[in-house]
């Protein structure tokens, strides 16, 4: 079996696992950020809307966060740090490297994309 065929085959077979592990990783990052979002409200015993599919609940959550940001500069810093940390974690996870001792025909490493790609 040619090296590129082997690489393509193993990556195809591993893709469902990688997608699931990526989802789990993203869920963990989201959970960490959610804990930061709700922390001041839990301390104040304020119920935090969790159904962001509902426009009313999403707007209510936005208003709660906006008010807290105005009153609490430490909360703003905590949210900012959580977003930066989450972005770093997701960016480091999303990089894929292929290492192979054999000859690789083509390798593409795309860090970000703002348009269409044709090959």
N, C-alpha and C. Protein backbone atom coordinates (compact mmCIF):
# COMPACT_ATOMS: atom_id res chain seq x y z
N UNK A 1 0.86 -1.18 0.00
CA UNK A 1 0.00 0.00 0.00
C UNK A 1 0.90 1.23 0.00
N UNK A 2 0.60 2.16 -0.90
CA UNK A 2 1.37 3.40 -1.00
C UNK A 2 1.20 4.22 0.28
N UNK A 3 2.22 4.95 0.69
CA UNK A 3 2.13 5.74 1.92
C UNK A 3 0.94 6.72 1.93
N UNK A 4 0.73 7.42 0.82
CA UNK A 4 -0.37 8.39 0.79
C UNK A 4 -1.72 7.68 0.90
N UNK A 5 -1.85 6.50 0.33
CA UNK A 5 -3.08 5.71 0.45
C UNK A 5 -3.28 5.26 1.88
N UNK A 6 -2.21 4.82 2.51
CA UNK A 6 -2.27 4.40 3.90
C UNK A 6 -2.68 5.58 4.79
N UNK A 7 -2.05 6.72 4.58
CA UNK A 7 -2.37 7.90 5.39
C UNK A 7 -3.83 8.30 5.20
N UNK A 8 -4.27 8.36 3.97
CA UNK A 8 -5.65 8.72 3.67
C UNK A 8 -6.62 7.75 4.31
N UNK A 9 -6.32 6.47 4.23
CA UNK A 9 -7.20 5.44 4.79
C UNK A 9 -7.28 5.54 6.31
N UNK A 10 -6.14 5.66 6.97
CA UNK A 10 -6.18 5.72 8.44
C UNK A 10 -6.86 6.99 8.92
N UNK A 11 -6.65 8.10 8.22
CA UNK A 11 -7.33 9.33 8.62
C UNK A 11 -8.83 9.25 8.38
N UNK A 12 -9.23 8.61 7.31
CA UNK A 12 -10.66 8.41 7.04
C UNK A 12 -11.29 7.57 8.15
N UNK A 13 -10.60 6.51 8.54
CA UNK A 13 -11.14 5.64 9.59
C UNK A 13 -11.13 6.32 10.96
N UNK A 14 -10.17 7.21 11.20
CA UNK A 14 -10.06 7.88 12.50
C UNK A 14 -10.96 9.11 12.59
N UNK A 15 -11.45 9.61 11.47
CA UNK A 15 -12.22 10.85 11.46
C UNK A 15 -13.40 10.87 12.43
N UNK A 16 -14.25 9.83 12.47
CA UNK A 16 -15.37 9.88 13.43
C UNK A 16 -14.89 10.04 14.88
N UNK A 17 -13.80 9.37 15.23
CA UNK A 17 -13.25 9.51 16.58
C UNK A 17 -12.74 10.93 16.80
N UNK A 18 -12.03 11.47 15.82
CA UNK A 18 -11.47 12.81 15.96
C UNK A 18 -12.57 13.86 16.07
N UNK A 19 -13.65 13.69 15.32
CA UNK A 19 -14.76 14.62 15.40
C UNK A 19 -15.38 14.58 16.79
N UNK A 20 -15.61 13.36 17.30
CA UNK A 20 -16.20 13.22 18.64
C UNK A 20 -15.28 13.79 19.71
N UNK A 21 -13.98 13.53 19.60
CA UNK A 21 -13.06 14.06 20.60
C UNK A 21 -12.98 15.57 20.49
N UNK A 22 -13.07 16.10 19.27
CA UNK A 22 -13.10 17.55 19.08
C UNK A 22 -14.33 18.17 19.70
N UNK A 23 -15.47 17.50 19.53
CA UNK A 23 -16.71 17.98 20.15
C UNK A 23 -16.58 17.98 21.66
N UNK A 24 -16.01 16.91 22.21
CA UNK A 24 -15.82 16.83 23.66
C UNK A 24 -14.90 17.94 24.15
N UNK A 25 -13.85 18.19 23.39
CA UNK A 25 -12.90 19.24 23.75
C UNK A 25 -13.59 20.60 23.74
N UNK A 26 -14.36 20.87 22.67
CA UNK A 26 -15.08 22.14 22.56
C UNK A 26 -16.12 22.28 23.67
N UNK A 27 -16.77 21.17 24.03
CA UNK A 27 -17.73 21.21 25.14
C UNK A 27 -17.04 21.59 26.44
N UNK A 28 -15.85 21.09 26.67
CA UNK A 28 -15.11 21.41 27.90
C UNK A 28 -14.75 22.90 27.93
N UNK A 29 -14.30 23.42 26.79
CA UNK A 29 -13.98 24.85 26.71
C UNK A 29 -15.25 25.67 26.97
N UNK A 30 -16.35 25.27 26.34
CA UNK A 30 -17.62 25.96 26.55
C UNK A 30 -18.09 25.90 27.99
N UNK A 31 -17.89 24.75 28.63
CA UNK A 31 -18.28 24.60 30.04
C UNK A 31 -17.47 25.53 30.93
N UNK A 32 -16.17 25.61 30.66
CA UNK A 32 -15.31 26.51 31.45
C UNK A 32 -15.77 27.96 31.32
N UNK A 33 -16.08 28.37 30.10
CA UNK A 33 -16.53 29.75 29.88
C UNK A 33 -17.91 29.96 30.52
N UNK A 34 -18.79 28.99 30.41
CA UNK A 34 -20.11 29.11 31.03
C UNK A 34 -19.99 29.27 32.54
N UNK A 35 -19.07 28.54 33.16
CA UNK A 35 -18.86 28.68 34.61
C UNK A 35 -18.42 30.09 34.98
N UNK A 36 -17.59 30.70 34.14
CA UNK A 36 -17.17 32.08 34.39
C UNK A 36 -18.36 33.03 34.19
N UNK A 37 -19.14 32.80 33.14
CA UNK A 37 -20.30 33.66 32.86
C UNK A 37 -21.25 33.69 34.05
N UNK A 38 -21.58 32.53 34.59
CA UNK A 38 -22.63 32.47 35.62
C UNK A 38 -22.12 32.70 37.04
N UNK A 39 -20.81 32.73 37.25
CA UNK A 39 -20.26 32.79 38.61
C UNK A 39 -20.78 33.95 39.47
N UNK A 40 -20.84 35.19 38.98
CA UNK A 40 -21.33 36.25 39.88
C UNK A 40 -22.82 36.10 40.20
N UNK A 41 -23.57 35.51 39.28
CA UNK A 41 -25.01 35.37 39.49
C UNK A 41 -25.31 34.26 40.50
N UNK A 42 -24.50 33.20 40.46
CA UNK A 42 -24.66 32.12 41.44
C UNK A 42 -24.38 32.67 42.84
N UNK A 43 -23.34 33.50 42.97
CA UNK A 43 -23.00 34.09 44.27
C UNK A 43 -24.13 34.98 44.79
N UNK A 44 -24.82 35.65 43.86
CA UNK A 44 -25.93 36.54 44.24
C UNK A 44 -27.27 35.80 44.29
N UNK A 45 -27.24 34.50 44.02
CA UNK A 45 -28.44 33.67 44.00
C UNK A 45 -29.45 34.16 42.96
N UNK A 46 -28.95 34.57 41.79
CA UNK A 46 -29.79 35.02 40.69
C UNK A 46 -29.88 33.88 39.68
N UNK A 47 -31.10 33.58 39.25
CA UNK A 47 -31.28 32.52 38.27
C UNK A 47 -30.77 32.99 36.91
N UNK A 48 -29.96 32.15 36.27
CA UNK A 48 -29.36 32.48 34.98
C UNK A 48 -30.09 31.71 33.89
N UNK A 49 -30.60 32.41 32.87
CA UNK A 49 -31.27 31.72 31.76
C UNK A 49 -30.27 30.80 31.04
N UNK A 50 -30.72 29.61 30.71
CA UNK A 50 -29.84 28.64 30.04
C UNK A 50 -30.30 28.25 28.65
N UNK A 51 -31.51 28.64 28.28
CA UNK A 51 -32.04 28.26 26.97
C UNK A 51 -31.73 29.38 25.97
N UNK A 52 -30.54 29.35 25.39
CA UNK A 52 -30.15 30.41 24.46
C UNK A 52 -30.80 30.24 23.10
N UNK A 53 -31.55 29.15 22.91
CA UNK A 53 -32.34 29.00 21.68
C UNK A 53 -33.58 29.89 21.74
N UNK A 54 -34.00 30.22 22.95
CA UNK A 54 -35.14 31.11 23.14
C UNK A 54 -34.64 32.55 23.08
N UNK A 55 -35.20 33.34 22.18
CA UNK A 55 -34.76 34.73 22.02
C UNK A 55 -34.94 35.51 23.31
N UNK A 56 -36.06 35.30 24.01
CA UNK A 56 -36.31 36.02 25.26
C UNK A 56 -35.28 35.69 26.32
N UNK A 57 -34.98 34.40 26.47
CA UNK A 57 -34.00 34.00 27.48
C UNK A 57 -32.59 34.46 27.10
N UNK A 58 -32.28 34.41 25.82
CA UNK A 58 -30.97 34.88 25.37
C UNK A 58 -30.82 36.37 25.65
N UNK A 59 -31.86 37.15 25.35
CA UNK A 59 -31.82 38.59 25.62
C UNK A 59 -31.72 38.88 27.11
N UNK A 60 -32.42 38.08 27.91
CA UNK A 60 -32.35 38.24 29.36
C UNK A 60 -30.93 37.96 29.86
N UNK A 61 -30.31 36.92 29.32
CA UNK A 61 -28.94 36.60 29.71
C UNK A 61 -27.98 37.72 29.30
N UNK A 62 -28.16 38.25 28.11
CA UNK A 62 -27.31 39.35 27.63
C UNK A 62 -27.44 40.55 28.56
N UNK A 63 -28.67 40.88 28.96
CA UNK A 63 -28.88 42.02 29.87
C UNK A 63 -28.22 41.79 31.22
N UNK A 64 -28.33 40.56 31.74
CA UNK A 64 -27.67 40.25 33.02
C UNK A 64 -26.17 40.46 32.92
N UNK A 65 -25.59 39.94 31.84
CA UNK A 65 -24.13 40.06 31.66
C UNK A 65 -23.74 41.52 31.47
N UNK A 66 -24.49 42.26 30.66
CA UNK A 66 -24.18 43.69 30.44
C UNK A 66 -24.19 44.46 31.76
N UNK A 67 -25.22 44.25 32.57
CA UNK A 67 -25.31 44.94 33.86
C UNK A 67 -24.15 44.58 34.76
N UNK A 68 -23.81 43.30 34.77
CA UNK A 68 -22.70 42.87 35.63
C UNK A 68 -21.38 43.45 35.15
N UNK A 69 -21.20 43.53 33.85
CA UNK A 69 -19.97 44.11 33.29
C UNK A 69 -19.82 45.58 33.68
N UNK A 70 -20.93 46.31 33.71
CA UNK A 70 -20.90 47.72 34.11
C UNK A 70 -20.51 47.88 35.58
N UNK A 71 -20.99 46.98 36.41
CA UNK A 71 -20.80 47.10 37.86
C UNK A 71 -19.52 46.43 38.36
N UNK A 72 -18.98 45.49 37.60
CA UNK A 72 -17.92 44.63 38.13
C UNK A 72 -16.77 44.52 37.12
N UNK A 73 -15.72 45.30 37.33
CA UNK A 73 -14.58 45.28 36.40
C UNK A 73 -13.82 43.97 36.48
N UNK A 74 -13.81 43.35 37.64
CA UNK A 74 -13.13 42.06 37.80
C UNK A 74 -13.81 40.99 36.94
N UNK A 75 -15.13 41.04 36.87
CA UNK A 75 -15.90 40.10 36.05
C UNK A 75 -15.54 40.27 34.58
N UNK A 76 -15.39 41.51 34.15
CA UNK A 76 -15.00 41.78 32.77
C UNK A 76 -13.64 41.14 32.47
N UNK A 77 -12.70 41.28 33.37
CA UNK A 77 -11.38 40.69 33.18
C UNK A 77 -11.45 39.16 33.17
N UNK A 78 -12.26 38.59 34.05
CA UNK A 78 -12.42 37.14 34.09
C UNK A 78 -13.00 36.62 32.77
N UNK A 79 -14.01 37.31 32.25
CA UNK A 79 -14.59 36.91 30.97
C UNK A 79 -13.57 37.04 29.84
N UNK A 80 -12.85 38.13 29.83
CA UNK A 80 -11.85 38.37 28.80
C UNK A 80 -10.78 37.27 28.85
N UNK A 81 -10.31 36.94 30.04
CA UNK A 81 -9.31 35.88 30.19
C UNK A 81 -9.86 34.52 29.77
N UNK A 82 -11.12 34.26 30.09
CA UNK A 82 -11.73 32.98 29.71
C UNK A 82 -11.84 32.86 28.20
N UNK A 83 -12.19 33.95 27.53
CA UNK A 83 -12.29 33.94 26.07
C UNK A 83 -10.91 33.72 25.45
N UNK A 84 -9.91 34.42 25.95
CA UNK A 84 -8.55 34.27 25.41
C UNK A 84 -8.04 32.84 25.61
N UNK A 85 -8.26 32.30 26.81
CA UNK A 85 -7.84 30.93 27.11
C UNK A 85 -8.58 29.94 26.21
N UNK A 86 -9.89 30.12 26.06
CA UNK A 86 -10.68 29.23 25.22
C UNK A 86 -10.22 29.27 23.77
N UNK A 87 -9.96 30.47 23.26
CA UNK A 87 -9.47 30.59 21.88
C UNK A 87 -8.12 29.91 21.71
N UNK A 88 -7.24 30.07 22.67
CA UNK A 88 -5.92 29.42 22.60
C UNK A 88 -6.07 27.90 22.62
N UNK A 89 -6.93 27.40 23.49
CA UNK A 89 -7.13 25.96 23.57
C UNK A 89 -7.70 25.41 22.28
N UNK A 90 -8.71 26.08 21.74
CA UNK A 90 -9.33 25.61 20.50
C UNK A 90 -8.37 25.70 19.33
N UNK A 91 -7.58 26.77 19.27
CA UNK A 91 -6.61 26.91 18.18
C UNK A 91 -5.52 25.85 18.26
N UNK A 92 -5.04 25.57 19.46
CA UNK A 92 -3.98 24.56 19.59
C UNK A 92 -4.52 23.17 19.29
N UNK A 93 -5.79 22.92 19.62
CA UNK A 93 -6.38 21.61 19.36
C UNK A 93 -6.64 21.40 17.87
N UNK A 94 -7.03 22.49 17.18
CA UNK A 94 -7.46 22.35 15.80
C UNK A 94 -6.31 22.18 14.81
N UNK A 95 -5.07 22.37 15.26
CA UNK A 95 -3.95 22.16 14.35
C UNK A 95 -3.71 20.67 14.18
N UNK A 96 -3.56 20.25 12.97
CA UNK A 96 -3.36 18.84 12.68
C UNK A 96 -2.01 18.69 11.98
N UNK A 97 -1.22 17.79 12.48
CA UNK A 97 0.07 17.52 11.87
C UNK A 97 0.14 16.05 11.50
N UNK A 98 0.71 15.77 10.33
CA UNK A 98 0.89 14.40 9.89
C UNK A 98 2.39 14.13 9.88
N UNK A 99 2.80 13.14 10.63
CA UNK A 99 4.20 12.75 10.66
C UNK A 99 4.31 11.38 10.03
N UNK A 100 5.27 11.22 9.13
CA UNK A 100 5.41 9.97 8.43
C UNK A 100 6.86 9.83 8.01
N UNK A 101 7.42 8.66 8.21
CA UNK A 101 8.79 8.43 7.80
C UNK A 101 8.90 8.16 6.31
N UNK A 102 7.81 7.87 5.67
CA UNK A 102 7.81 7.60 4.24
C UNK A 102 7.61 8.91 3.48
N UNK A 103 7.54 8.81 2.19
CA UNK A 103 7.36 9.99 1.35
C UNK A 103 5.89 10.41 1.34
N UNK A 104 5.64 11.66 1.63
CA UNK A 104 4.30 12.21 1.59
C UNK A 104 4.16 12.99 0.29
N UNK A 105 3.14 12.68 -0.47
CA UNK A 105 2.95 13.31 -1.77
C UNK A 105 2.53 14.78 -1.62
N UNK A 106 1.54 15.03 -0.78
CA UNK A 106 1.05 16.39 -0.58
C UNK A 106 0.66 16.56 0.88
N UNK A 107 0.97 17.71 1.42
CA UNK A 107 0.53 18.03 2.77
C UNK A 107 0.10 19.48 2.79
N UNK A 108 -1.07 19.74 3.33
CA UNK A 108 -1.60 21.10 3.41
C UNK A 108 -1.88 21.41 4.86
N UNK A 109 -1.40 22.55 5.31
CA UNK A 109 -1.65 23.00 6.68
C UNK A 109 -2.30 24.37 6.59
N UNK A 110 -3.61 24.46 6.87
CA UNK A 110 -4.35 25.71 6.78
C UNK A 110 -4.65 26.18 8.20
N UNK A 111 -4.09 27.31 8.57
CA UNK A 111 -4.32 27.85 9.91
C UNK A 111 -5.66 28.59 10.00
N UNK A 112 -5.99 29.34 8.96
CA UNK A 112 -7.27 30.02 8.92
C UNK A 112 -7.64 30.27 7.47
N UNK A 113 -8.91 30.51 7.24
CA UNK A 113 -9.39 30.70 5.88
C UNK A 113 -10.49 31.73 5.90
N UNK A 114 -10.42 32.68 4.97
CA UNK A 114 -11.48 33.68 4.89
C UNK A 114 -12.16 33.67 3.53
N UNK A 115 -11.91 32.64 2.73
CA UNK A 115 -12.53 32.54 1.43
C UNK A 115 -12.60 31.09 1.00
N UNK A 116 -12.90 30.86 -0.26
CA UNK A 116 -13.01 29.50 -0.73
C UNK A 116 -11.63 28.96 -1.13
N UNK A 117 -11.50 27.65 -1.07
CA UNK A 117 -10.26 26.99 -1.41
C UNK A 117 -10.55 25.99 -2.51
N UNK A 118 -9.76 26.02 -3.56
CA UNK A 118 -9.91 25.05 -4.65
C UNK A 118 -8.57 24.38 -4.86
N UNK A 119 -8.63 23.08 -5.13
CA UNK A 119 -7.39 22.31 -5.38
C UNK A 119 -7.55 21.48 -6.62
